[in-house]
Amino acid sequence: MAKADGKQAGGDLWTAANIAKELGVSDGKVKKAIAALKLAPDAKKGVCCYYGAAAKKKIAAAIS
């Protein structure tokens, strides 16, 4: 079974873990930033939440 990623979920979407990996921070920091910003996922697949480029920029700004 192939691992789900943003491309398979329908475009340029990333999970919190993928965003954390790209930013070089922990998953926890990204998840806390998402909660603090009250961001809604752009897509969901099962229990996985996927975030788009706009959300990714907001998360990066909140962490920096």
N, C-alpha and C. Protein backbone atom coordinates (compact mmCIF):
# COMPACT_ATOMS: atom_id res chain seq x y z
N MET A 1 0.84 -1.18 0.00
CA MET A 1 0.00 0.00 0.00
C MET A 1 0.88 1.24 0.00
N ALA A 2 0.61 2.16 -0.88
CA ALA A 2 1.40 3.38 -1.00
C ALA A 2 1.09 4.34 0.14
N LYS A 3 2.12 5.03 0.57
CA LYS A 3 1.96 6.03 1.62
C LYS A 3 1.26 7.25 1.03
N ALA A 4 0.24 7.74 1.73
CA ALA A 4 -0.50 8.90 1.24
C ALA A 4 0.34 10.16 1.41
N ASP A 5 0.35 10.99 0.39
CA ASP A 5 1.01 12.28 0.50
C ASP A 5 0.10 13.34 -0.12
N GLY A 6 0.51 14.56 -0.07
CA GLY A 6 -0.31 15.66 -0.56
C GLY A 6 -0.69 15.53 -2.02
N LYS A 7 0.22 15.00 -2.84
CA LYS A 7 -0.07 14.86 -4.26
C LYS A 7 -1.25 13.91 -4.47
N GLN A 8 -1.30 12.83 -3.70
CA GLN A 8 -2.38 11.87 -3.83
C GLN A 8 -3.67 12.41 -3.24
N ALA A 9 -3.58 13.32 -2.25
CA ALA A 9 -4.77 13.85 -1.60
C ALA A 9 -5.45 14.92 -2.44
N GLY A 10 -4.83 15.35 -3.51
CA GLY A 10 -5.49 16.28 -4.41
C GLY A 10 -4.80 17.62 -4.54
N GLY A 11 -3.53 17.64 -4.83
CA GLY A 11 -2.85 18.90 -5.04
C GLY A 11 -1.67 19.07 -4.12
N ASP A 12 -1.28 20.32 -3.95
CA ASP A 12 -0.13 20.63 -3.10
C ASP A 12 -0.59 20.77 -1.66
N LEU A 13 -0.71 19.66 -0.99
CA LEU A 13 -1.14 19.61 0.41
C LEU A 13 -0.12 18.86 1.23
N TRP A 14 0.03 19.28 2.49
CA TRP A 14 1.00 18.67 3.38
C TRP A 14 0.37 18.35 4.72
N THR A 15 0.84 17.28 5.35
CA THR A 15 0.44 16.97 6.71
C THR A 15 1.29 17.82 7.66
N ALA A 16 0.89 17.87 8.92
CA ALA A 16 1.67 18.61 9.92
C ALA A 16 3.09 18.06 9.99
N ALA A 17 3.23 16.75 9.90
CA ALA A 17 4.56 16.12 9.96
C ALA A 17 5.42 16.53 8.77
N ASN A 18 4.82 16.60 7.58
CA ASN A 18 5.58 17.01 6.39
C ASN A 18 6.00 18.47 6.48
N ILE A 19 5.12 19.31 7.01
CA ILE A 19 5.45 20.73 7.19
C ILE A 19 6.60 20.86 8.19
N ALA A 20 6.52 20.11 9.28
CA ALA A 20 7.57 20.15 10.30
C ALA A 20 8.91 19.73 9.72
N LYS A 21 8.90 18.70 8.90
CA LYS A 21 10.13 18.20 8.27
C LYS A 21 10.74 19.27 7.37
N GLU A 22 9.91 19.94 6.59
CA GLU A 22 10.41 20.98 5.69
C GLU A 22 10.96 22.18 6.45
N LEU A 23 10.32 22.52 7.58
CA LEU A 23 10.74 23.68 8.36
C LEU A 23 11.87 23.35 9.33
N GLY A 24 12.14 22.07 9.53
CA GLY A 24 13.21 21.65 10.43
C GLY A 24 12.86 21.83 11.89
N VAL A 25 11.57 21.67 12.22
CA VAL A 25 11.12 21.77 13.61
C VAL A 25 10.36 20.49 13.97
N SER A 26 9.98 20.38 15.24
CA SER A 26 9.26 19.19 15.69
C SER A 26 7.79 19.24 15.24
N ASP A 27 7.19 18.05 15.18
CA ASP A 27 5.77 17.95 14.84
C ASP A 27 4.93 18.72 15.85
N GLY A 28 5.33 18.64 17.11
CA GLY A 28 4.59 19.30 18.18
C GLY A 28 4.50 20.80 17.99
N LYS A 29 5.60 21.42 17.56
CA LYS A 29 5.60 22.87 17.33
C LYS A 29 4.62 23.24 16.22
N VAL A 30 4.60 22.44 15.17
CA VAL A 30 3.69 22.70 14.05
C VAL A 30 2.24 22.51 14.51
N LYS A 31 1.98 21.45 15.25
CA LYS A 31 0.62 21.19 15.73
C LYS A 31 0.15 22.28 16.68
N LYS A 32 1.05 22.78 17.53
CA LYS A 32 0.69 23.88 18.43
C LYS A 32 0.40 25.16 17.64
N ALA A 33 1.18 25.41 16.59
CA ALA A 33 0.96 26.58 15.74
C ALA A 33 -0.39 26.47 15.03
N ILE A 34 -0.72 25.28 14.55
CA ILE A 34 -2.00 25.06 13.88
C ILE A 34 -3.15 25.33 14.85
N ALA A 35 -3.02 24.83 16.07
CA ALA A 35 -4.07 25.04 17.08
C ALA A 35 -4.18 26.52 17.46
N ALA A 36 -3.03 27.19 17.63
CA ALA A 36 -3.03 28.61 18.01
C ALA A 36 -3.65 29.47 16.91
N LEU A 37 -3.37 29.13 15.67
CA LEU A 37 -3.91 29.87 14.53
C LEU A 37 -5.34 29.46 14.19
N LYS A 38 -5.81 28.39 14.80
CA LYS A 38 -7.15 27.84 14.55
C LYS A 38 -7.36 27.55 13.07
N LEU A 39 -6.36 26.91 12.48
CA LEU A 39 -6.43 26.58 11.05
C LEU A 39 -7.27 25.32 10.85
N ALA A 40 -8.13 25.38 9.87
CA ALA A 40 -8.91 24.20 9.48
C ALA A 40 -8.16 23.52 8.35
N PRO A 41 -8.15 22.20 8.32
CA PRO A 41 -7.46 21.51 7.23
C PRO A 41 -8.15 21.76 5.89
N ASP A 42 -7.35 21.82 4.85
CA ASP A 42 -7.91 21.99 3.50
C ASP A 42 -8.50 20.68 2.98
N ALA A 43 -8.02 19.57 3.52
CA ALA A 43 -8.54 18.26 3.14
C ALA A 43 -8.30 17.28 4.28
N LYS A 44 -9.12 16.26 4.33
CA LYS A 44 -8.94 15.20 5.32
C LYS A 44 -9.05 13.86 4.62
N LYS A 45 -8.21 12.95 5.05
CA LYS A 45 -8.28 11.58 4.53
C LYS A 45 -8.13 10.68 5.74
N GLY A 46 -9.22 10.09 6.17
CA GLY A 46 -9.20 9.32 7.41
C GLY A 46 -8.97 10.28 8.56
N VAL A 47 -7.96 10.01 9.37
CA VAL A 47 -7.63 10.89 10.48
C VAL A 47 -6.56 11.91 10.13
N CYS A 48 -6.03 11.84 8.92
CA CYS A 48 -4.96 12.75 8.49
C CYS A 48 -5.55 14.06 7.99
N CYS A 49 -4.94 15.15 8.44
CA CYS A 49 -5.34 16.48 7.99
C CYS A 49 -4.26 17.01 7.05
N TYR A 50 -4.70 17.59 5.96
CA TYR A 50 -3.78 18.14 4.97
C TYR A 50 -3.99 19.64 4.86
N TYR A 51 -2.88 20.38 4.80
CA TYR A 51 -2.91 21.84 4.76
C TYR A 51 -2.28 22.33 3.47
N GLY A 52 -2.82 23.41 2.92
CA GLY A 52 -2.35 23.98 1.67
C GLY A 52 -1.22 24.98 1.87
N ALA A 53 -0.81 25.60 0.78
CA ALA A 53 0.32 26.52 0.79
C ALA A 53 0.07 27.74 1.67
N ALA A 54 -1.15 28.27 1.67
CA ALA A 54 -1.46 29.45 2.48
C ALA A 54 -1.31 29.12 3.96
N ALA A 55 -1.82 27.97 4.37
CA ALA A 55 -1.71 27.55 5.77
C ALA A 55 -0.25 27.29 6.13
N LYS A 56 0.49 26.72 5.18
CA LYS A 56 1.90 26.43 5.41
C LYS A 56 2.68 27.72 5.67
N LYS A 57 2.38 28.78 4.94
CA LYS A 57 3.04 30.07 5.13
C LYS A 57 2.70 30.65 6.50
N LYS A 58 1.43 30.55 6.90
CA LYS A 58 1.01 31.06 8.21
C LYS A 58 1.70 30.30 9.33
N ILE A 59 1.82 28.99 9.19
CA ILE A 59 2.48 28.16 10.19
C ILE A 59 3.96 28.54 10.29
N ALA A 60 4.62 28.70 9.15
CA ALA A 60 6.03 29.08 9.14
C ALA A 60 6.25 30.42 9.82
N ALA A 61 5.35 31.38 9.56
CA ALA A 61 5.46 32.70 10.17
C ALA A 61 5.24 32.62 11.68
N ALA A 62 4.31 31.79 12.10
CA ALA A 62 4.01 31.66 13.54
C ALA A 62 5.16 31.01 14.29
N ILE A 63 5.88 30.11 13.64
CA ILE A 63 6.98 29.41 14.29
C ILE A 63 8.24 30.27 14.34
N SER A 64 8.46 31.10 13.30
CA SER A 64 9.69 31.89 13.25
C SER A 64 9.68 33.01 14.26
